[in-house]
Amino acid sequence: MSCFRESATAWMQRERELENILVERLWRSFKHEDVNLKSYSSSGEITIGLMQFFEFYNS
């Protein structure tokens, strides 16, 4: 049982690492493709820009 638990833990760790990589790539894309090209002056504008970014990439 201990061997199974160790392999399951290692597998879950790899899944978390992959999820972290994907999230980091997503935020990097948002930063480079949206934030660096536009001059946001408030957090409300960033929120709207983020919603538009996701709408564009999810369609």
N, C-alpha and C. Protein backbone atom coordinates (compact mmCIF):
# COMPACT_ATOMS: atom_id res chain seq x y z
N MET A 1 0.81 -1.20 0.00
CA MET A 1 0.00 0.00 0.00
C MET A 1 0.86 1.26 0.00
N SER A 2 1.99 1.21 0.64
CA SER A 2 2.87 2.36 0.72
C SER A 2 3.41 2.73 -0.66
N CYS A 3 3.74 1.73 -1.46
CA CYS A 3 4.26 1.98 -2.80
C CYS A 3 3.19 2.67 -3.66
N PHE A 4 1.96 2.20 -3.54
CA PHE A 4 0.86 2.82 -4.29
C PHE A 4 0.68 4.27 -3.88
N ARG A 5 0.72 4.53 -2.60
CA ARG A 5 0.53 5.88 -2.08
C ARG A 5 1.64 6.81 -2.58
N GLU A 6 2.88 6.31 -2.60
CA GLU A 6 4.00 7.12 -3.08
C GLU A 6 3.86 7.43 -4.57
N SER A 7 3.46 6.45 -5.37
CA SER A 7 3.32 6.69 -6.81
C SER A 7 2.14 7.62 -7.09
N ALA A 8 1.06 7.49 -6.33
CA ALA A 8 -0.08 8.39 -6.50
C ALA A 8 0.30 9.81 -6.14
N THR A 9 1.07 9.98 -5.08
CA THR A 9 1.53 11.30 -4.67
C THR A 9 2.43 11.91 -5.73
N ALA A 10 3.33 11.11 -6.28
CA ALA A 10 4.22 11.60 -7.33
C ALA A 10 3.43 12.01 -8.56
N TRP A 11 2.40 11.23 -8.91
CA TRP A 11 1.57 11.55 -10.06
C TRP A 11 0.80 12.85 -9.84
N MET A 12 0.26 13.04 -8.65
CA MET A 12 -0.47 14.26 -8.35
C MET A 12 0.46 15.47 -8.40
N GLN A 13 1.70 15.29 -7.96
CA GLN A 13 2.67 16.38 -8.01
C GLN A 13 2.94 16.77 -9.46
N ARG A 14 3.10 15.78 -10.34
CA ARG A 14 3.32 16.07 -11.76
C ARG A 14 2.13 16.79 -12.37
N GLU A 15 0.92 16.40 -11.99
CA GLU A 15 -0.28 17.08 -12.49
C GLU A 15 -0.30 18.54 -12.04
N ARG A 16 0.04 18.79 -10.78
CA ARG A 16 0.08 20.17 -10.28
C ARG A 16 1.14 20.99 -11.01
N GLU A 17 2.29 20.39 -11.29
CA GLU A 17 3.34 21.09 -12.01
C GLU A 17 2.87 21.46 -13.42
N LEU A 18 2.20 20.54 -14.10
CA LEU A 18 1.68 20.81 -15.43
C LEU A 18 0.65 21.92 -15.39
N GLU A 19 -0.24 21.88 -14.41
CA GLU A 19 -1.24 22.94 -14.28
C GLU A 19 -0.57 24.29 -14.05
N ASN A 20 0.47 24.32 -13.23
CA ASN A 20 1.19 25.57 -12.97
C ASN A 20 1.83 26.10 -14.24
N ILE A 21 2.39 25.21 -15.05
CA ILE A 21 3.02 25.63 -16.31
C ILE A 21 1.98 26.25 -17.23
N LEU A 22 0.82 25.60 -17.33
CA LEU A 22 -0.24 26.11 -18.21
C LEU A 22 -0.76 27.47 -17.74
N VAL A 23 -0.92 27.62 -16.44
CA VAL A 23 -1.40 28.90 -15.90
C VAL A 23 -0.36 29.99 -16.12
N GLU A 24 0.92 29.67 -15.91
CA GLU A 24 1.98 30.66 -16.14
C GLU A 24 2.02 31.08 -17.61
N ARG A 25 1.84 30.15 -18.52
CA ARG A 25 1.82 30.49 -19.95
C ARG A 25 0.63 31.37 -20.28
N LEU A 26 -0.51 31.07 -19.68
CA LEU A 26 -1.71 31.88 -19.91
C LEU A 26 -1.48 33.32 -19.47
N TRP A 27 -0.96 33.51 -18.26
CA TRP A 27 -0.73 34.86 -17.75
C TRP A 27 0.34 35.58 -18.54
N ARG A 28 1.38 34.85 -18.99
CA ARG A 28 2.42 35.46 -19.82
C ARG A 28 1.82 35.94 -21.14
N SER A 29 0.96 35.12 -21.74
CA SER A 29 0.29 35.51 -22.99
C SER A 29 -0.55 36.76 -22.78
N PHE A 30 -1.32 36.78 -21.70
CA PHE A 30 -2.15 37.95 -21.41
C PHE A 30 -1.28 39.18 -21.23
N LYS A 31 -0.21 39.04 -20.51
CA LYS A 31 0.67 40.18 -20.25
C LYS A 31 1.29 40.70 -21.55
N HIS A 32 1.80 39.81 -22.37
CA HIS A 32 2.48 40.23 -23.59
C HIS A 32 1.52 40.69 -24.68
N GLU A 33 0.37 40.05 -24.79
CA GLU A 33 -0.55 40.36 -25.89
C GLU A 33 -1.56 41.44 -25.55
N ASP A 34 -1.74 41.74 -24.30
CA ASP A 34 -2.78 42.71 -23.93
C ASP A 34 -2.22 43.84 -23.07
N VAL A 35 -1.68 43.52 -21.94
CA VAL A 35 -1.27 44.54 -20.97
C VAL A 35 -0.14 45.40 -21.53
N ASN A 36 0.85 44.80 -22.18
CA ASN A 36 1.97 45.58 -22.69
C ASN A 36 1.60 46.42 -23.90
N LEU A 37 0.50 46.08 -24.58
CA LEU A 37 0.10 46.84 -25.76
C LEU A 37 -0.89 47.95 -25.44
N LYS A 38 -1.51 47.88 -24.27
CA LYS A 38 -2.51 48.89 -23.89
C LYS A 38 -2.06 49.58 -22.62
N SER A 39 -2.50 50.80 -22.46
CA SER A 39 -2.18 51.55 -21.25
C SER A 39 -3.42 51.57 -20.35
N TYR A 40 -3.46 50.67 -19.40
CA TYR A 40 -4.58 50.64 -18.47
C TYR A 40 -4.30 51.63 -17.35
N SER A 41 -5.34 52.38 -16.98
CA SER A 41 -5.16 53.37 -15.93
C SER A 41 -5.87 52.99 -14.63
N SER A 42 -6.64 51.89 -14.67
CA SER A 42 -7.32 51.47 -13.44
C SER A 42 -7.50 49.96 -13.45
N SER A 43 -7.79 49.42 -12.28
CA SER A 43 -8.01 47.98 -12.18
C SER A 43 -9.29 47.57 -12.89
N GLY A 44 -10.25 48.47 -12.99
CA GLY A 44 -11.49 48.18 -13.72
C GLY A 44 -11.22 47.97 -15.20
N GLU A 45 -10.32 48.78 -15.76
CA GLU A 45 -9.96 48.62 -17.17
C GLU A 45 -9.23 47.30 -17.40
N ILE A 46 -8.40 46.91 -16.45
CA ILE A 46 -7.69 45.63 -16.57
C ILE A 46 -8.69 44.48 -16.51
N THR A 47 -9.68 44.59 -15.65
CA THR A 47 -10.70 43.55 -15.55
C THR A 47 -11.46 43.40 -16.87
N ILE A 48 -11.83 44.51 -17.47
CA ILE A 48 -12.52 44.48 -18.76
C ILE A 48 -11.60 43.89 -19.83
N GLY A 49 -10.35 44.31 -19.83
CA GLY A 49 -9.38 43.77 -20.79
C GLY A 49 -9.19 42.28 -20.63
N LEU A 50 -9.17 41.81 -19.38
CA LEU A 50 -9.03 40.37 -19.12
C LEU A 50 -10.25 39.60 -19.62
N MET A 51 -11.43 40.13 -19.40
CA MET A 51 -12.65 39.46 -19.91
C MET A 51 -12.64 39.41 -21.43
N GLN A 52 -12.23 40.49 -22.08
CA GLN A 52 -12.17 40.51 -23.54
C GLN A 52 -11.12 39.54 -24.05
N PHE A 53 -10.00 39.45 -23.37
CA PHE A 53 -8.94 38.53 -23.75
C PHE A 53 -9.44 37.10 -23.72
N PHE A 54 -10.13 36.72 -22.65
CA PHE A 54 -10.66 35.36 -22.55
C PHE A 54 -11.77 35.10 -23.54
N GLU A 55 -12.61 36.07 -23.79
CA GLU A 55 -13.66 35.91 -24.81
C GLU A 55 -13.04 35.63 -26.17
N PHE A 56 -12.01 36.39 -26.52
CA PHE A 56 -11.34 36.22 -27.81
C PHE A 56 -10.70 34.84 -27.93
N TYR A 57 -9.99 34.42 -26.91
CA TYR A 57 -9.27 33.15 -26.99
C TYR A 57 -10.14 31.93 -26.76
N ASN A 58 -11.32 32.11 -26.19
CA ASN A 58 -12.22 30.98 -26.00
C ASN A 58 -13.20 30.81 -27.16
N SER A 59 -13.17 31.75 -28.10
CA SER A 59 -14.10 31.62 -29.24
C SER A 59 -13.41 31.03 -30.45
